[in-house]
Amino acid sequence: LMFSVNPCDDLQPGGENCESLWDGENYQKPLLNMDPER
């Protein structure tokens, strides 16, 4: 499996739009711990 692995992507839930992984707006709310699916 070739997969994107870094400490910020790992906080975001799965979805079809990979652009959301580095969309700054998705990090404005408090984030705690790794996404359980990842």
Full PDB file with SEQRES, HELIX, SHEET, SSBOND, CRYST1, ORIGX, SCALE, CONECT and MASTER records, all heavy atoms in Angstrom:
SEQRES   1 A   38  LEU MET PHE SER VAL ASN PRO CYS ASP ASP LEU GLN PRO          
SEQRES   2 A   38  GLY GLY GLU ASN CYS GLU SER LEU TRP ASP GLY GLU ASN          
SEQRES   3 A   38  TYR GLN LYS PRO LEU LEU ASN MET ASP PRO GLU ARG              
HELIX    1 AA1 ASP A    9  LEU A   11  5                                   3    
HELIX    2 AA2 CYS A   18  TRP A   22  5                                   5    
HELIX    3 AA3 GLY A   24  TYR A   27  5                                   4    
CRYST1    1.000    1.000    1.000  90.00  90.00  90.00 P 1           1          
ORIGX1      1.000000  0.000000  0.000000        0.00000                         
ORIGX2      0.000000  1.000000  0.000000        0.00000                         
ORIGX3      0.000000  0.000000  1.000000        0.00000                         
SCALE1      1.000000  0.000000  0.000000        0.00000                         
SCALE2      0.000000  1.000000  0.000000        0.00000                         
SCALE3      0.000000  0.000000  1.000000        0.00000                         
ATOM      1  N   LEU A   1       0.852  -1.193   0.000  1.00  0.00           N  
ATOM      2  CA  LEU A   1       0.000   0.000   0.000  1.00  0.00           C  
ATOM      3  C   LEU A   1       0.884   1.237   0.000  1.00  0.00           C  
ATOM      4  O   LEU A   1       1.733   1.402   0.877  1.00  0.00           O  
ATOM      5  CB  LEU A   1      -0.905   0.018   1.235  1.00  0.00           C  
ATOM      6  CG  LEU A   1      -1.750   1.288   1.431  1.00  0.00           C  
ATOM      7  CD1 LEU A   1      -2.794   1.425   0.317  1.00  0.00           C  
ATOM      8  CD2 LEU A   1      -2.425   1.288   2.803  1.00  0.00           C  
ATOM      9  N   MET A   2       0.679   2.107  -0.978  1.00  0.00           N  
ATOM     10  CA  MET A   2       1.336   3.417  -0.980  1.00  0.00           C  
ATOM     11  C   MET A   2       0.319   4.400  -0.408  1.00  0.00           C  
ATOM     12  O   MET A   2      -0.765   4.573  -0.959  1.00  0.00           O  
ATOM     13  CB  MET A   2       1.735   3.815  -2.395  1.00  0.00           C  
ATOM     14  CG  MET A   2       2.491   5.125  -2.489  1.00  0.00           C  
ATOM     15  SD  MET A   2       2.854   5.533  -4.220  1.00  0.00           S  
ATOM     16  CE  MET A   2       3.835   7.020  -4.004  1.00  0.00           C  
ATOM     17  N   PHE A   3       0.684   5.044   0.710  1.00  0.00           N  
ATOM     18  CA  PHE A   3      -0.294   5.849   1.436  1.00  0.00           C  
ATOM     19  C   PHE A   3       0.358   7.122   1.957  1.00  0.00           C  
ATOM     20  O   PHE A   3       1.559   7.150   2.232  1.00  0.00           O  
ATOM     21  CB  PHE A   3      -0.860   5.035   2.608  1.00  0.00           C  
ATOM     22  CG  PHE A   3      -2.165   5.555   3.136  1.00  0.00           C  
ATOM     23  CD1 PHE A   3      -3.333   5.439   2.403  1.00  0.00           C  
ATOM     24  CD2 PHE A   3      -2.236   6.150   4.389  1.00  0.00           C  
ATOM     25  CE1 PHE A   3      -4.548   5.913   2.886  1.00  0.00           C  
ATOM     26  CE2 PHE A   3      -3.437   6.626   4.895  1.00  0.00           C  
ATOM     27  CZ  PHE A   3      -4.593   6.509   4.135  1.00  0.00           C  
ATOM     28  N   SER A   4      -0.450   8.175   2.090  1.00  0.00           N  
ATOM     29  CA  SER A   4       0.063   9.436   2.636  1.00  0.00           C  
ATOM     30  C   SER A   4       0.100   9.328   4.158  1.00  0.00           C  
ATOM     31  O   SER A   4      -0.935   9.148   4.796  1.00  0.00           O  
ATOM     32  CB  SER A   4      -0.816  10.614   2.208  1.00  0.00           C  
ATOM     33  OG  SER A   4      -2.143  10.468   2.674  1.00  0.00           O  
ATOM     34  N   VAL A   5       1.291   9.418   4.713  1.00  0.00           N  
ATOM     35  CA  VAL A   5       1.473   9.285   6.160  1.00  0.00           C  
ATOM     36  C   VAL A   5       2.257  10.485   6.672  1.00  0.00           C  
ATOM     37  O   VAL A   5       3.429  10.663   6.341  1.00  0.00           O  
ATOM     38  CB  VAL A   5       2.231   7.990   6.522  1.00  0.00           C  
ATOM     39  CG1 VAL A   5       2.382   7.872   8.045  1.00  0.00           C  
ATOM     40  CG2 VAL A   5       1.528   6.761   5.965  1.00  0.00           C  
ATOM     41  N   ASN A   6       1.597  11.315   7.449  1.00  0.00           N  
ATOM     42  CA  ASN A   6       2.273  12.405   8.155  1.00  0.00           C  
ATOM     43  C   ASN A   6       1.379  12.821   9.319  1.00  0.00           C  
ATOM     44  O   ASN A   6       0.191  12.465   9.348  1.00  0.00           O  
ATOM     45  CB  ASN A   6       2.609  13.573   7.217  1.00  0.00           C  
ATOM     46  CG  ASN A   6       1.389  14.285   6.680  1.00  0.00           C  
ATOM     47  OD1 ASN A   6       0.602  14.836   7.448  1.00  0.00           O  
ATOM     48  ND2 ASN A   6       1.215  14.277   5.355  1.00  0.00           N  
ATOM     49  N   PRO A   7       1.909  13.556  10.294  1.00  0.00           N  
ATOM     50  CA  PRO A   7       1.140  13.816  11.515  1.00  0.00           C  
ATOM     51  C   PRO A   7      -0.089  14.689  11.337  1.00  0.00           C  
ATOM     52  O   PRO A   7      -0.939  14.713  12.225  1.00  0.00           O  
ATOM     53  CB  PRO A   7       2.163  14.490  12.442  1.00  0.00           C  
ATOM     54  CG  PRO A   7       3.223  15.008  11.535  1.00  0.00           C  
ATOM     55  CD  PRO A   7       3.289  14.041  10.409  1.00  0.00           C  
ATOM     56  N   CYS A   8      -0.210  15.385  10.228  1.00  0.00           N  
ATOM     57  CA  CYS A   8      -1.421  16.185  10.008  1.00  0.00           C  
ATOM     58  C   CYS A   8      -2.470  15.401   9.226  1.00  0.00           C  
ATOM     59  O   CYS A   8      -3.644  15.399   9.590  1.00  0.00           O  
ATOM     60  CB  CYS A   8      -1.081  17.503   9.320  1.00  0.00           C  
ATOM     61  SG  CYS A   8      -0.284  18.674  10.458  1.00  0.00           S  
ATOM     62  N   ASP A   9      -2.063  14.721   8.150  1.00  0.00           N  
ATOM     63  CA  ASP A   9      -3.012  13.865   7.437  1.00  0.00           C  
ATOM     64  C   ASP A   9      -3.628  12.850   8.381  1.00  0.00           C  
ATOM     65  O   ASP A   9      -4.810  12.507   8.261  1.00  0.00           O  
ATOM     66  CB  ASP A   9      -2.311  13.122   6.302  1.00  0.00           C  
ATOM     67  CG  ASP A   9      -2.010  14.020   5.110  1.00  0.00           C  
ATOM     68  OD1 ASP A   9      -2.201  15.252   5.221  1.00  0.00           O  
ATOM     69  OD2 ASP A   9      -1.576  13.497   4.067  1.00  0.00           O  
ATOM     70  N   ASP A  10      -2.831  12.354   9.330  1.00  0.00           N  
ATOM     71  CA  ASP A  10      -3.311  11.308  10.231  1.00  0.00           C  
ATOM     72  C   ASP A  10      -4.411  11.777  11.176  1.00  0.00           C  
ATOM     73  O   ASP A  10      -5.040  10.962  11.851  1.00  0.00           O  
ATOM     74  CB  ASP A  10      -2.143  10.739  11.047  1.00  0.00           C  
ATOM     75  CG  ASP A  10      -1.421   9.630  10.307  1.00  0.00           C  
ATOM     76  OD1 ASP A  10      -1.902   9.216   9.238  1.00  0.00           O  
ATOM     77  OD2 ASP A  10      -0.370   9.167  10.794  1.00  0.00           O  
ATOM     78  N   LEU A  11      -4.651  13.072  11.234  1.00  0.00           N  
ATOM     79  CA  LEU A  11      -5.718  13.598  12.087  1.00  0.00           C  
ATOM     80  C   LEU A  11      -7.053  13.697  11.360  1.00  0.00           C  
ATOM     81  O   LEU A  11      -8.094  13.863  11.992  1.00  0.00           O  
ATOM     82  CB  LEU A  11      -5.336  14.992  12.603  1.00  0.00           C  
ATOM     83  CG  LEU A  11      -4.161  15.038  13.577  1.00  0.00           C  
ATOM     84  CD1 LEU A  11      -3.621  16.456  13.667  1.00  0.00           C  
ATOM     85  CD2 LEU A  11      -4.569  14.548  14.944  1.00  0.00           C  
ATOM     86  N   GLN A  12      -7.010  13.592  10.033  1.00  0.00           N  
ATOM     87  CA  GLN A  12      -8.213  13.831   9.250  1.00  0.00           C  
ATOM     88  C   GLN A  12      -8.911  12.527   8.877  1.00  0.00           C  
ATOM     89  O   GLN A  12      -8.257  11.554   8.518  1.00  0.00           O  
ATOM     90  CB  GLN A  12      -7.863  14.614   7.986  1.00  0.00           C  
ATOM     91  CG  GLN A  12      -7.341  16.003   8.247  1.00  0.00           C  
ATOM     92  CD  GLN A  12      -8.355  16.901   8.940  1.00  0.00           C  
ATOM     93  OE1 GLN A  12      -9.554  16.685   8.875  1.00  0.00           O  
ATOM     94  NE2 GLN A  12      -7.854  17.927   9.619  1.00  0.00           N  
ATOM     95  N   PRO A  13     -10.238  12.510   8.937  1.00  0.00           N  
ATOM     96  CA  PRO A  13     -10.983  11.298   8.588  1.00  0.00           C  
ATOM     97  C   PRO A  13     -10.926  11.006   7.098  1.00  0.00           C  
ATOM     98  O   PRO A  13     -10.577  11.870   6.290  1.00  0.00           O  
ATOM     99  CB  PRO A  13     -12.418  11.630   9.027  1.00  0.00           C  
ATOM    100  CG  PRO A  13     -12.493  13.114   8.967  1.00  0.00           C  
ATOM    101  CD  PRO A  13     -11.128  13.602   9.354  1.00  0.00           C  
ATOM    102  N   GLY A  14     -11.280   9.778   6.739  1.00  0.00           N  
ATOM    103  CA  GLY A  14     -11.252   9.370   5.350  1.00  0.00           C  
ATOM    104  C   GLY A  14     -12.258  10.131   4.514  1.00  0.00           C  
ATOM    105  O   GLY A  14     -13.310  10.538   4.999  1.00  0.00           O  
ATOM    106  N   GLY A  15     -11.944  10.324   3.252  1.00  0.00           N  
ATOM    107  CA  GLY A  15     -12.840  11.003   2.328  1.00  0.00           C  
ATOM    108  C   GLY A  15     -12.275  10.920   0.932  1.00  0.00           C  
ATOM    109  O   GLY A  15     -11.090  10.621   0.744  1.00  0.00           O  
ATOM    110  N   GLU A  16     -13.104  11.194  -0.058  1.00  0.00           N  
ATOM    111  CA  GLU A  16     -12.678  11.081  -1.447  1.00  0.00           C  
ATOM    112  C   GLU A  16     -11.913  12.307  -1.928  1.00  0.00           C  
ATOM    113  O   GLU A  16     -11.223  12.249  -2.933  1.00  0.00           O  
ATOM    114  CB  GLU A  16     -13.892  10.831  -2.341  1.00  0.00           C  
ATOM    115  CG  GLU A  16     -14.594   9.519  -2.027  1.00  0.00           C  
ATOM    116  CD  GLU A  16     -15.769   9.261  -2.958  1.00  0.00           C  
ATOM    117  OE1 GLU A  16     -15.778   9.819  -4.066  1.00  0.00           O  
ATOM    118  OE2 GLU A  16     -16.666   8.500  -2.563  1.00  0.00           O  
ATOM    119  N   ASN A  17     -12.035  13.434  -1.227  1.00  0.00           N  
ATOM    120  CA  ASN A  17     -11.348  14.650  -1.637  1.00  0.00           C  
ATOM    121  C   ASN A  17     -10.057  14.794  -0.845  1.00  0.00           C  
ATOM    122  O   ASN A  17     -10.051  15.294   0.286  1.00  0.00           O  
ATOM    123  CB  ASN A  17     -12.257  15.868  -1.414  1.00  0.00           C  
ATOM    124  CG  ASN A  17     -11.571  17.166  -1.831  1.00  0.00           C  
ATOM    125  OD1 ASN A  17     -10.567  17.148  -2.544  1.00  0.00           O  
ATOM    126  ND2 ASN A  17     -12.120  18.278  -1.377  1.00  0.00           N  
ATOM    127  N   CYS A  18      -8.942  14.379  -1.447  1.00  0.00           N  
ATOM    128  CA  CYS A  18      -7.672  14.421  -0.723  1.00  0.00           C  
ATOM    129  C   CYS A  18      -7.201  15.851  -0.480  1.00  0.00           C  
ATOM    130  O   CYS A  18      -6.336  16.082   0.371  1.00  0.00           O  
ATOM    131  CB  CYS A  18      -6.600  13.619  -1.447  1.00  0.00           C  
ATOM    132  SG  CYS A  18      -6.163  14.249  -3.085  1.00  0.00           S  
ATOM    133  N   GLU A  19      -7.763  16.824  -1.192  1.00  0.00           N  
ATOM    134  CA  GLU A  19      -7.392  18.217  -0.954  1.00  0.00           C  
ATOM    135  C   GLU A  19      -7.738  18.644   0.472  1.00  0.00           C  
ATOM    136  O   GLU A  19      -7.102  19.529   1.036  1.00  0.00           O  
ATOM    137  CB  GLU A  19      -8.116  19.136  -1.941  1.00  0.00           C  
ATOM    138  CG  GLU A  19      -7.758  18.914  -3.406  1.00  0.00           C  
ATOM    139  CD  GLU A  19      -6.319  19.264  -3.714  1.00  0.00           C  
ATOM    140  OE1 GLU A  19      -5.791  20.192  -3.079  1.00  0.00           O  
ATOM    141  OE2 GLU A  19      -5.722  18.602  -4.581  1.00  0.00           O  
ATOM    142  N   SER A  20      -8.742  18.001   1.061  1.00  0.00           N  
ATOM    143  CA  SER A  20      -9.154  18.365   2.416  1.00  0.00           C  
ATOM    144  C   SER A  20      -8.079  18.060   3.441  1.00  0.00           C  
ATOM    145  O   SER A  20      -8.066  18.628   4.535  1.00  0.00           O  
ATOM    146  CB  SER A  20     -10.443  17.620   2.791  1.00  0.00           C  
ATOM    147  OG  SER A  20     -10.216  16.219   2.853  1.00  0.00           O  
ATOM    148  N   LEU A  21      -7.140  17.174   3.088  1.00  0.00           N  
ATOM    149  CA  LEU A  21      -6.095  16.798   4.032  1.00  0.00           C  
ATOM    150  C   LEU A  21      -5.190  17.976   4.373  1.00  0.00           C  
ATOM    151  O   LEU A  21      -4.634  18.036   5.465  1.00  0.00           O  
ATOM    152  CB  LEU A  21      -5.251  15.649   3.471  1.00  0.00           C  
ATOM    153  CG  LEU A  21      -5.967  14.311   3.298  1.00  0.00           C  
ATOM    154  CD1 LEU A  21      -5.054  13.310   2.610  1.00  0.00           C  
ATOM    155  CD2 LEU A  21      -6.451  13.770   4.641  1.00  0.00           C  
ATOM    156  N   TRP A  22      -5.011  18.873   3.422  1.00  0.00           N  
ATOM    157  CA  TRP A  22      -4.149  20.034   3.710  1.00  0.00           C  
ATOM    158  C   TRP A  22      -4.894  21.364   3.582  1.00  0.00           C  
ATOM    159  O   TRP A  22      -4.292  22.404   3.380  1.00  0.00           O  
ATOM    160  CB  TRP A  22      -2.900  20.017   2.830  1.00  0.00           C  
ATOM    161  CG  TRP A  22      -3.105  19.683   1.400  1.00  0.00           C  
ATOM    162  CD1 TRP A  22      -3.410  20.521   0.389  1.00  0.00           C  
ATOM    163  CD2 TRP A  22      -3.006  18.389   0.804  1.00  0.00           C  
ATOM    164  NE1 TRP A  22      -3.510  19.844  -0.791  1.00  0.00           N  
ATOM    165  CE2 TRP A  22      -3.265  18.533  -0.577  1.00  0.00           C  
ATOM    166  CE3 TRP A  22      -2.711  17.121   1.299  1.00  0.00           C  
ATOM    167  CZ2 TRP A  22      -3.248  17.464  -1.464  1.00  0.00           C  
ATOM    168  CZ3 TRP A  22      -2.708  16.048   0.419  1.00  0.00           C  
ATOM    169  CH2 TRP A  22      -2.961  16.220  -0.933  1.00  0.00           C  
ATOM    170  N   ASP A  23      -6.188  21.315   3.731  1.00  0.00           N  
ATOM    171  CA  ASP A  23      -6.986  22.537   3.771  1.00  0.00           C  
ATOM    172  C   ASP A  23      -6.916  23.117   5.181  1.00  0.00           C  
ATOM    173  O   ASP A  23      -7.361  22.500   6.142  1.00  0.00           O  
ATOM    174  CB  ASP A  23      -8.439  22.217   3.403  1.00  0.00           C  
ATOM    175  CG  ASP A  23      -9.311  23.468   3.298  1.00  0.00           C  
ATOM    176  OD1 ASP A  23      -8.922  24.513   3.840  1.00  0.00           O  
ATOM    177  OD2 ASP A  23     -10.385  23.382   2.683  1.00  0.00           O  
ATOM    178  N   GLY A  24      -6.343  24.303   5.297  1.00  0.00           N  
ATOM    179  CA  GLY A  24      -6.136  24.912   6.606  1.00  0.00           C  
ATOM    180  C   GLY A  24      -7.399  25.065   7.435  1.00  0.00           C  
ATOM    181  O   GLY A  24      -7.347  25.020   8.667  1.00  0.00           O  
ATOM    182  N   GLU A  25      -8.534  25.221   6.773  1.00  0.00           N  
ATOM    183  CA  GLU A  25      -9.785  25.387   7.513  1.00  0.00           C  
ATOM    184  C   GLU A  25     -10.124  24.157   8.348  1.00  0.00           C  
ATOM    185  O   GLU A  25     -10.778  24.262   9.389  1.00  0.00           O  
ATOM    186  CB  GLU A  25     -10.934  25.683   6.537  1.00  0.00           C  
ATOM    187  CG  GLU A  25     -10.835  27.045   5.863  1.00  0.00           C  
ATOM    188  CD  GLU A  25     -12.049  27.344   5.006  1.00  0.00           C  
ATOM    189  OE1 GLU A  25     -13.002  26.529   5.028  1.00  0.00           O  
ATOM    190  OE2 GLU A  25     -12.048  28.397   4.338  1.00  0.00           O  
ATOM    191  N   ASN A  26      -9.677  22.990   7.898  1.00  0.00           N  
ATOM    192  CA  ASN A  26      -9.978  21.763   8.633  1.00  0.00           C  
ATOM    193  C   ASN A  26      -9.163  21.621   9.910  1.00  0.00           C  
ATOM    194  O   ASN A  26      -9.381  20.683  10.682  1.00  0.00           O  
ATOM    195  CB  ASN A  26      -9.751  20.541   7.739  1.00  0.00           C  
ATOM    196  CG  ASN A  26     -10.730  20.474   6.604  1.00  0.00           C  
ATOM    197  OD1 ASN A  26     -11.853  20.965   6.713  1.00  0.00           O  
ATOM    198  ND2 ASN A  26     -10.324  19.883   5.487  1.00  0.00           N  
ATOM    199  N   TYR A  27      -8.203  22.520  10.117  1.00  0.00           N  
ATOM    200  CA  TYR A  27      -7.361  22.465  11.313  1.00  0.00           C  
ATOM    201  C   TYR A  27      -7.644  23.622  12.273  1.00  0.00           C  
ATOM    202  O   TYR A  27      -6.907  23.814  13.238  1.00  0.00           O  
ATOM    203  CB  TYR A  27      -5.879  22.467  10.909  1.00  0.00           C  
ATOM    204  CG  TYR A  27      -5.473  21.244  10.125  1.00  0.00           C  
ATOM    205  CD1 TYR A  27      -5.611  21.205   8.755  1.00  0.00           C  
ATOM    206  CD2 TYR A  27      -4.970  20.118  10.766  1.00  0.00           C  
ATOM    207  CE1 TYR A  27      -5.254  20.079   8.022  1.00  0.00           C  
ATOM    208  CE2 TYR A  27      -4.611  18.994  10.048  1.00  0.00           C  
ATOM    209  CZ  TYR A  27      -4.753  18.983   8.673  1.00  0.00           C  
ATOM    210  OH  TYR A  27      -4.393  17.859   7.951  1.00  0.00           O  
ATOM    211  N   GLN A  28      -8.696  24.385  12.006  1.00  0.00           N  
ATOM    212  CA  GLN A  28      -8.995  25.527  12.856  1.00  0.00           C  
ATOM    213  C   GLN A  28      -9.630  25.098  14.174  1.00  0.00           C  
ATOM    214  O   GLN A  28      -9.422  25.716  15.209  1.00  0.00           O  
ATOM    215  CB  GLN A  28      -9.921  26.502  12.119  1.00  0.00           C  
ATOM    216  CG  GLN A  28      -9.263  27.148  10.907  1.00  0.00           C  
ATOM    217  CD  GLN A  28      -7.940  27.809  11.233  1.00  0.00           C  
ATOM    218  OE1 GLN A  28      -7.850  28.617  12.175  1.00  0.00           O  
ATOM    219  NE2 GLN A  28      -6.902  27.471  10.480  1.00  0.00           N  
ATOM    220  N   LYS A  29     -10.401  24.024  14.127  1.00  0.00           N  
ATOM    221  CA  LYS A  29     -11.016  23.531  15.365  1.00  0.00           C  
ATOM    222  C   LYS A  29      -9.984  22.732  16.152  1.00  0.00           C  
ATOM    223  O   LYS A  29      -9.007  22.238  15.594  1.00  0.00           O  
ATOM    224  CB  LYS A  29     -12.222  22.645  15.042  1.00  0.00           C  
ATOM    225  CG  LYS A  29     -11.883  21.393  14.256  1.00  0.00           C  
ATOM    226  CD  LYS A  29     -13.148  20.618  13.928  1.00  0.00           C  
ATOM    227  CE  LYS A  29     -12.839  19.311  13.215  1.00  0.00           C  
ATOM    228  NZ  LYS A  29     -12.140  19.470  11.936  1.00  0.00           N  
ATOM    229  N   PRO A  30     -10.153  22.591  17.466  1.00  0.00           N  
ATOM    230  CA  PRO A  30      -9.213  21.790  18.256  1.00  0.00           C  
ATOM    231  C   PRO A  30      -9.178  20.348  17.757  1.00  0.00           C  
ATOM    232  O   PRO A  30     -10.216  19.742  17.481  1.00  0.00           O  
ATOM    233  CB  PRO A  30      -9.794  21.874  19.673  1.00  0.00           C  
ATOM    234  CG  PRO A  30     -10.622  23.104  19.681  1.00  0.00           C  
ATOM    235  CD  PRO A  30     -11.196  23.217  18.300  1.00  0.00           C  
ATOM    236  N   LEU A  31      -7.988  19.811  17.610  1.00  0.00           N  
ATOM    237  CA  LEU A  31      -7.814  18.443  17.127  1.00  0.00           C  
ATOM    238  C   LEU A  31      -7.082  17.626  18.182  1.00  0.00           C  
ATOM    239  O   LEU A  31      -6.069  18.054  18.729  1.00  0.00           O  
ATOM    240  CB  LEU A  31      -7.024  18.442  15.823  1.00  0.00           C  
ATOM    241  CG  LEU A  31      -7.741  19.055  14.613  1.00  0.00           C  
ATOM    242  CD1 LEU A  31      -6.769  19.218  13.453  1.00  0.00           C  
ATOM    243  CD2 LEU A  31      -8.915  18.192  14.188  1.00  0.00           C  
ATOM    244  N   LEU A  32      -7.576  16.422  18.424  1.00  0.00           N  
ATOM    245  CA  LEU A  32      -6.995  15.573  19.465  1.00  0.00           C  
ATOM    246  C   LEU A  32      -6.889  14.142  18.957  1.00  0.00           C  
ATOM    247  O   LEU A  32      -7.893  13.523  18.596  1.00  0.00           O  
ATOM    248  CB  LEU A  32      -7.868  15.599  20.721  1.00  0.00           C  
ATOM    249  CG  LEU A  32      -7.421  14.726  21.895  1.00  0.00           C  
ATOM    250  CD1 LEU A  32      -6.110  15.240  22.465  1.00  0.00           C  
ATOM    251  CD2 LEU A  32      -8.498  14.716  22.991  1.00  0.00           C  
ATOM    252  N   ASN A  33      -5.663  13.641  18.871  1.00  0.00           N  
ATOM    253  CA  ASN A  33      -5.381  12.250  18.535  1.00  0.00           C  
ATOM    254  C   ASN A  33      -5.630  11.888  17.069  1.00  0.00           C  
ATOM    255  O   ASN A  33      -6.299  12.587  16.325  1.00  0.00           O  
ATOM    256  CB  ASN A  33      -6.142  11.292  19.454  1.00  0.00           C  
ATOM    257  CG  ASN A  33      -5.588  11.318  20.864  1.00  0.00           C  
ATOM    258  OD1 ASN A  33      -4.448  11.716  21.083  1.00  0.00           O  
ATOM    259  ND2 ASN A  33      -6.390  10.916  21.817  1.00  0.00           N  
ATOM    260  N   MET A  34      -5.074  10.751  16.706  1.00  0.00           N  
ATOM    261  CA  MET A  34      -5.124  10.265  15.337  1.00  0.00           C  
ATOM    262  C   MET A  34      -6.532   9.814  14.961  1.00  0.00           C  
ATOM    263  O   MET A  34      -7.271   9.284  15.787  1.00  0.00           O  
ATOM    264  CB  MET A  34      -4.157   9.088  15.194  1.00  0.00           C  
ATOM    265  CG  MET A  34      -4.031   8.547  13.772  1.00  0.00           C  
ATOM    266  SD  MET A  34      -2.934   7.107  13.676  1.00  0.00           S  
ATOM    267  CE  MET A  34      -1.372   7.847  14.166  1.00  0.00           C  
ATOM    268  N   ASP A  35      -6.892  10.020  13.674  1.00  0.00           N  
ATOM    269  CA  ASP A  35      -8.164   9.509  13.181  1.00  0.00           C  
ATOM    270  C   ASP A  35      -8.171   7.992  13.357  1.00  0.00           C  
ATOM    271  O   ASP A  35      -7.241   7.306  12.912  1.00  0.00           O  
ATOM    272  CB  ASP A  35      -8.330   9.872  11.708  1.00  0.00           C  
ATOM    273  CG  ASP A  35      -9.557   9.233  11.113  1.00  0.00           C  
ATOM    274  OD1 ASP A  35     -10.664   9.560  11.560  1.00  0.00           O  
ATOM    275  OD2 ASP A  35      -9.401   8.377  10.219  1.00  0.00           O  
ATOM    276  N   PRO A  36      -9.193   7.442  13.990  1.00  0.00           N  
ATOM    277  CA  PRO A  36      -9.201   6.003  14.276  1.00  0.00           C  
ATOM    278  C   PRO A  36      -9.167   5.126  13.029  1.00  0.00           C  
ATOM    279  O   PRO A  36      -8.648   4.009  13.065  1.00  0.00           O  
ATOM    280  CB  PRO A  36     -10.497   5.794  15.068  1.00  0.00           C  
ATOM    281  CG  PRO A  36     -11.323   7.008  14.817  1.00  0.00           C  
ATOM    282  CD  PRO A  36     -10.360   8.124  14.575  1.00  0.00           C  
ATOM    283  N   GLU A  37      -9.703   5.624  11.900  1.00  0.00           N  
ATOM    284  CA  GLU A  37      -9.668   4.820  10.674  1.00  0.00           C  
ATOM    285  C   GLU A  37      -8.243   4.683  10.150  1.00  0.00           C  
ATOM    286  O   GLU A  37      -7.859   3.616   9.650  1.00  0.00           O  
ATOM    287  CB  GLU A  37     -10.559   5.458   9.608  1.00  0.00           C  
ATOM    288  CG  GLU A  37     -12.041   5.349   9.912  1.00  0.00           C  
ATOM    289  CD  GLU A  37     -12.904   6.007   8.854  1.00  0.00           C  
ATOM    290  OE1 GLU A  37     -12.594   7.162   8.475  1.00  0.00           O  
ATOM    291  OE2 GLU A  37     -13.874   5.376   8.413  1.00  0.00           O  
ATOM    292  N   ARG A  38      -7.465   5.744  10.249  1.00  0.00           N  
ATOM    293  CA  ARG A  38      -6.069   5.665   9.802  1.00  0.00           C  
ATOM    294  C   ARG A  38      -5.254   4.746  10.714  1.00  0.00           C  
ATOM    295  O   ARG A  38      -4.451   3.937  10.241  1.00  0.00           O  
ATOM    296  CB  ARG A  38      -5.449   7.061   9.760  1.00  0.00           C  
ATOM    297  CG  ARG A  38      -5.982   7.887   8.617  1.00  0.00           C  
ATOM    298  CD  ARG A  38      -5.449   9.315   8.627  1.00  0.00           C  
ATOM    299  NE  ARG A  38      -5.885   9.976   7.414  1.00  0.00           N  
ATOM    300  CZ  ARG A  38      -5.186  10.020   6.278  1.00  0.00           C  
ATOM    301  NH1 ARG A  38      -3.997   9.470   6.232  1.00  0.00           N  
ATOM    302  NH2 ARG A  38      -5.671  10.609   5.208  1.00  0.00           N  
TER     303      ARG A  38                                                      
MASTER        0    0    0    3    0    0    0    6  302    1    0    3          
END                                                                             
